[in-house]
Amino acid sequence: FQLMQQQAIRPNGFTYNTLINAFAQAKQPDKANEMFQLMQQQGIRPDEVTYSSLINAFAQAKQPDKANEMFQLMQQQGIRPDEVTYNALINAFAQAKQPDKAN
């Protein structure tokens, strides 16, 4: 990512989504959220893949409230959740042993 920036190659939505997903898999939700913020600062609009990856990042870190916050933000932004998004949110509550909230 830094090499891209050094070579004046502008990252796109796919690049940011890949990075957010990588940080989610590495259980680094704060880094995933940093990429999300940077993405928006660069004028790139997040999509359902972005939000699903962020929700998954918070699920992996057992932070269901943050996952739900991202879900709410997604809807406020007019982005429709898909089955991947809903699965990530359900997983967030399951990981935190709060299955009732997934209902």
C-alpha atoms as a PDB file:
ATOM      1  CA  PHE A   1       0.000   0.000   0.000  1.00  0.00           C
ATOM      2  CA  GLN A   2       2.743   2.423   0.931  1.00  0.00           C
ATOM      3  CA  LEU A   3       4.667   1.447  -2.186  1.00  0.00           C
ATOM      4  CA  MET A   4       1.604   2.295  -4.278  1.00  0.00           C
ATOM      5  CA  GLN A   5       1.424   5.698  -2.661  1.00  0.00           C
ATOM      6  CA  GLN A   6       5.154   6.299  -3.126  1.00  0.00           C
ATOM      7  CA  GLN A   7       4.772   5.568  -6.818  1.00  0.00           C
ATOM      8  CA  ALA A   8       1.796   7.941  -7.054  1.00  0.00           C
ATOM      9  CA  ILE A   9      -0.602   5.085  -7.774  1.00  0.00           C
ATOM     10  CA  ARG A  10      -3.938   5.997  -6.249  1.00  0.00           C
ATOM     11  CA  PRO A  11      -5.573   3.110  -4.375  1.00  0.00           C
ATOM     12  CA  ASN A  12      -9.160   2.372  -5.391  1.00  0.00           C
ATOM     13  CA  GLY A  13     -12.111   0.835  -3.565  1.00  0.00           C
ATOM     14  CA  PHE A  14     -10.918  -2.678  -4.338  1.00  0.00           C
ATOM     15  CA  THR A  15      -7.528  -1.899  -2.786  1.00  0.00           C
ATOM     16  CA  TYR A  16      -9.083  -0.521   0.376  1.00  0.00           C
ATOM     17  CA  ASN A  17     -11.549  -3.406   0.644  1.00  0.00           C
ATOM     18  CA  THR A  18      -8.673  -5.866   0.337  1.00  0.00           C
ATOM     19  CA  LEU A  19      -6.725  -4.093   3.080  1.00  0.00           C
ATOM     20  CA  ILE A  20      -9.754  -3.878   5.373  1.00  0.00           C
ATOM     21  CA  ASN A  21     -10.408  -7.578   4.855  1.00  0.00           C
ATOM     22  CA  ALA A  22      -6.735  -8.409   5.541  1.00  0.00           C
ATOM     23  CA  PHE A  23      -6.832  -6.505   8.827  1.00  0.00           C
ATOM     24  CA  ALA A  24     -10.112  -8.237   9.699  1.00  0.00           C
ATOM     25  CA  GLN A  25      -8.515 -11.645   9.162  1.00  0.00           C
ATOM     26  CA  ALA A  26      -5.522 -10.565  11.255  1.00  0.00           C
ATOM     27  CA  LYS A  27      -7.912  -9.557  14.074  1.00  0.00           C
ATOM     28  CA  GLN A  28      -6.841  -5.923  13.871  1.00  0.00           C
ATOM     29  CA  PRO A  29     -10.146  -4.036  13.792  1.00  0.00           C
ATOM     30  CA  ASP A  30      -8.547  -0.697  14.641  1.00  0.00           C
ATOM     31  CA  LYS A  31      -6.303  -0.941  11.574  1.00  0.00           C
ATOM     32  CA  ALA A  32      -9.309  -1.982   9.460  1.00  0.00           C
ATOM     33  CA  ASN A  33     -11.176   1.061  10.734  1.00  0.00           C
ATOM     34  CA  GLU A  34      -8.169   3.286   9.949  1.00  0.00           C
ATOM     35  CA  MET A  35      -8.289   2.080   6.344  1.00  0.00           C
ATOM     36  CA  PHE A  36     -12.032   2.752   6.285  1.00  0.00           C
ATOM     37  CA  GLN A  37     -11.448   6.324   7.467  1.00  0.00           C
ATOM     38  CA  LEU A  38      -8.602   6.851   4.996  1.00  0.00           C
ATOM     39  CA  MET A  39     -10.725   5.475   2.173  1.00  0.00           C
ATOM     40  CA  GLN A  40     -13.400   8.060   2.855  1.00  0.00           C
ATOM     41  CA  GLN A  41     -10.849  10.861   3.211  1.00  0.00           C
ATOM     42  CA  GLN A  42      -9.622   9.942  -0.270  1.00  0.00           C
ATOM     43  CA  GLY A  43     -13.158  10.399  -1.586  1.00  0.00           C
ATOM     44  CA  ILE A  44     -13.812   6.705  -2.174  1.00  0.00           C
ATOM     45  CA  ARG A  45     -17.320   5.659  -1.212  1.00  0.00           C
ATOM     46  CA  PRO A  46     -17.549   2.456   0.843  1.00  0.00           C
ATOM     47  CA  ASP A  47     -19.819  -0.291  -0.474  1.00  0.00           C
ATOM     48  CA  GLU A  48     -21.449  -3.404   1.001  1.00  0.00           C
ATOM     49  CA  VAL A  49     -18.135  -5.274   0.723  1.00  0.00           C
ATOM     50  CA  THR A  50     -16.395  -2.572   2.755  1.00  0.00           C
ATOM     51  CA  TYR A  51     -18.985  -2.637   5.495  1.00  0.00           C
ATOM     52  CA  SER A  52     -19.196  -6.441   5.557  1.00  0.00           C
ATOM     53  CA  SER A  53     -15.420  -6.613   6.003  1.00  0.00           C
ATOM     54  CA  LEU A  54     -15.519  -4.037   8.798  1.00  0.00           C
ATOM     55  CA  ILE A  55     -18.359  -5.843  10.550  1.00  0.00           C
ATOM     56  CA  ASN A  56     -16.340  -9.037  10.235  1.00  0.00           C
ATOM     57  CA  ALA A  57     -13.274  -7.292  11.697  1.00  0.00           C
ATOM     58  CA  PHE A  58     -15.235  -6.315  14.781  1.00  0.00           C
ATOM     59  CA  ALA A  59     -16.801  -9.781  14.957  1.00  0.00           C
ATOM     60  CA  GLN A  60     -13.361 -11.416  14.997  1.00  0.00           C
ATOM     61  CA  ALA A  61     -12.322  -9.079  17.819  1.00  0.00           C
ATOM     62  CA  LYS A  62     -15.487  -9.904  19.807  1.00  0.00           C
ATOM     63  CA  GLN A  63     -16.756  -6.333  19.554  1.00  0.00           C
ATOM     64  CA  PRO A  64     -20.411  -6.842  18.588  1.00  0.00           C
ATOM     65  CA  ASP A  65     -21.446  -3.307  19.525  1.00  0.00           C
ATOM     66  CA  LYS A  66     -18.911  -1.858  17.076  1.00  0.00           C
ATOM     67  CA  ALA A  67     -20.057  -4.346  14.439  1.00  0.00           C
ATOM     68  CA  ASN A  68     -23.644  -3.255  14.961  1.00  0.00           C
ATOM     69  CA  GLU A  69     -22.570   0.394  14.832  1.00  0.00           C
ATOM     70  CA  MET A  70     -21.041  -0.217  11.392  1.00  0.00           C
ATOM     71  CA  PHE A  71     -24.216  -2.008  10.308  1.00  0.00           C
ATOM     72  CA  GLN A  72     -26.310   0.998  11.364  1.00  0.00           C
ATOM     73  CA  LEU A  73     -23.929   3.422   9.629  1.00  0.00           C
ATOM     74  CA  MET A  74     -24.131   1.352   6.451  1.00  0.00           C
ATOM     75  CA  GLN A  75     -27.895   1.650   6.404  1.00  0.00           C
ATOM     76  CA  GLN A  76     -27.765   5.377   7.183  1.00  0.00           C
ATOM     77  CA  GLN A  77     -25.493   5.786   4.155  1.00  0.00           C
ATOM     78  CA  GLY A  78     -28.152   4.139   1.988  1.00  0.00           C
ATOM     79  CA  ILE A  79     -26.146   0.979   1.349  1.00  0.00           C
ATOM     80  CA  ARG A  80     -28.209  -2.200   1.359  1.00  0.00           C
ATOM     81  CA  PRO A  81     -26.768  -5.068   3.365  1.00  0.00           C
ATOM     82  CA  ASP A  82     -26.497  -8.397   1.585  1.00  0.00           C
ATOM     83  CA  GLU A  83     -26.349 -11.958   2.927  1.00  0.00           C
ATOM     84  CA  VAL A  84     -22.614 -11.633   3.615  1.00  0.00           C
ATOM     85  CA  THR A  85     -23.278  -8.543   5.732  1.00  0.00           C
ATOM     86  CA  TYR A  86     -26.025 -10.248   7.722  1.00  0.00           C
ATOM     87  CA  ASN A  87     -23.864 -13.335   8.244  1.00  0.00           C
ATOM     88  CA  ALA A  88     -21.017 -11.160   9.540  1.00  0.00           C
ATOM     89  CA  LEU A  89     -23.346  -9.387  11.962  1.00  0.00           C
ATOM     90  CA  ILE A  90     -24.836 -12.666  13.211  1.00  0.00           C
ATOM     91  CA  ASN A  91     -21.303 -13.982  13.646  1.00  0.00           C
ATOM     92  CA  ALA A  92     -20.371 -10.873  15.663  1.00  0.00           C
ATOM     93  CA  PHE A  93     -23.094 -11.612  18.201  1.00  0.00           C
ATOM     94  CA  ALA A  94     -22.325 -15.331  18.197  1.00  0.00           C
ATOM     95  CA  GLN A  95     -18.606 -14.716  18.834  1.00  0.00           C
ATOM     96  CA  ALA A  96     -19.524 -12.533  21.803  1.00  0.00           C
ATOM     97  CA  LYS A  97     -21.913 -15.194  23.124  1.00  0.00           C
ATOM     98  CA  GLN A  98     -24.888 -12.886  22.574  1.00  0.00           C
ATOM     99  CA  PRO A  99     -26.999 -14.886  20.092  1.00  0.00           C
ATOM    100  CA  ASP A 100     -30.227 -13.241  21.317  1.00  0.00           C
ATOM    101  CA  LYS A 101     -29.091  -9.933  19.809  1.00  0.00           C
ATOM    102  CA  ALA A 102     -28.689 -11.565  16.405  1.00  0.00           C
ATOM    103  CA  ASN A 103     -32.398 -12.159  16.224  1.00  0.00           C
END
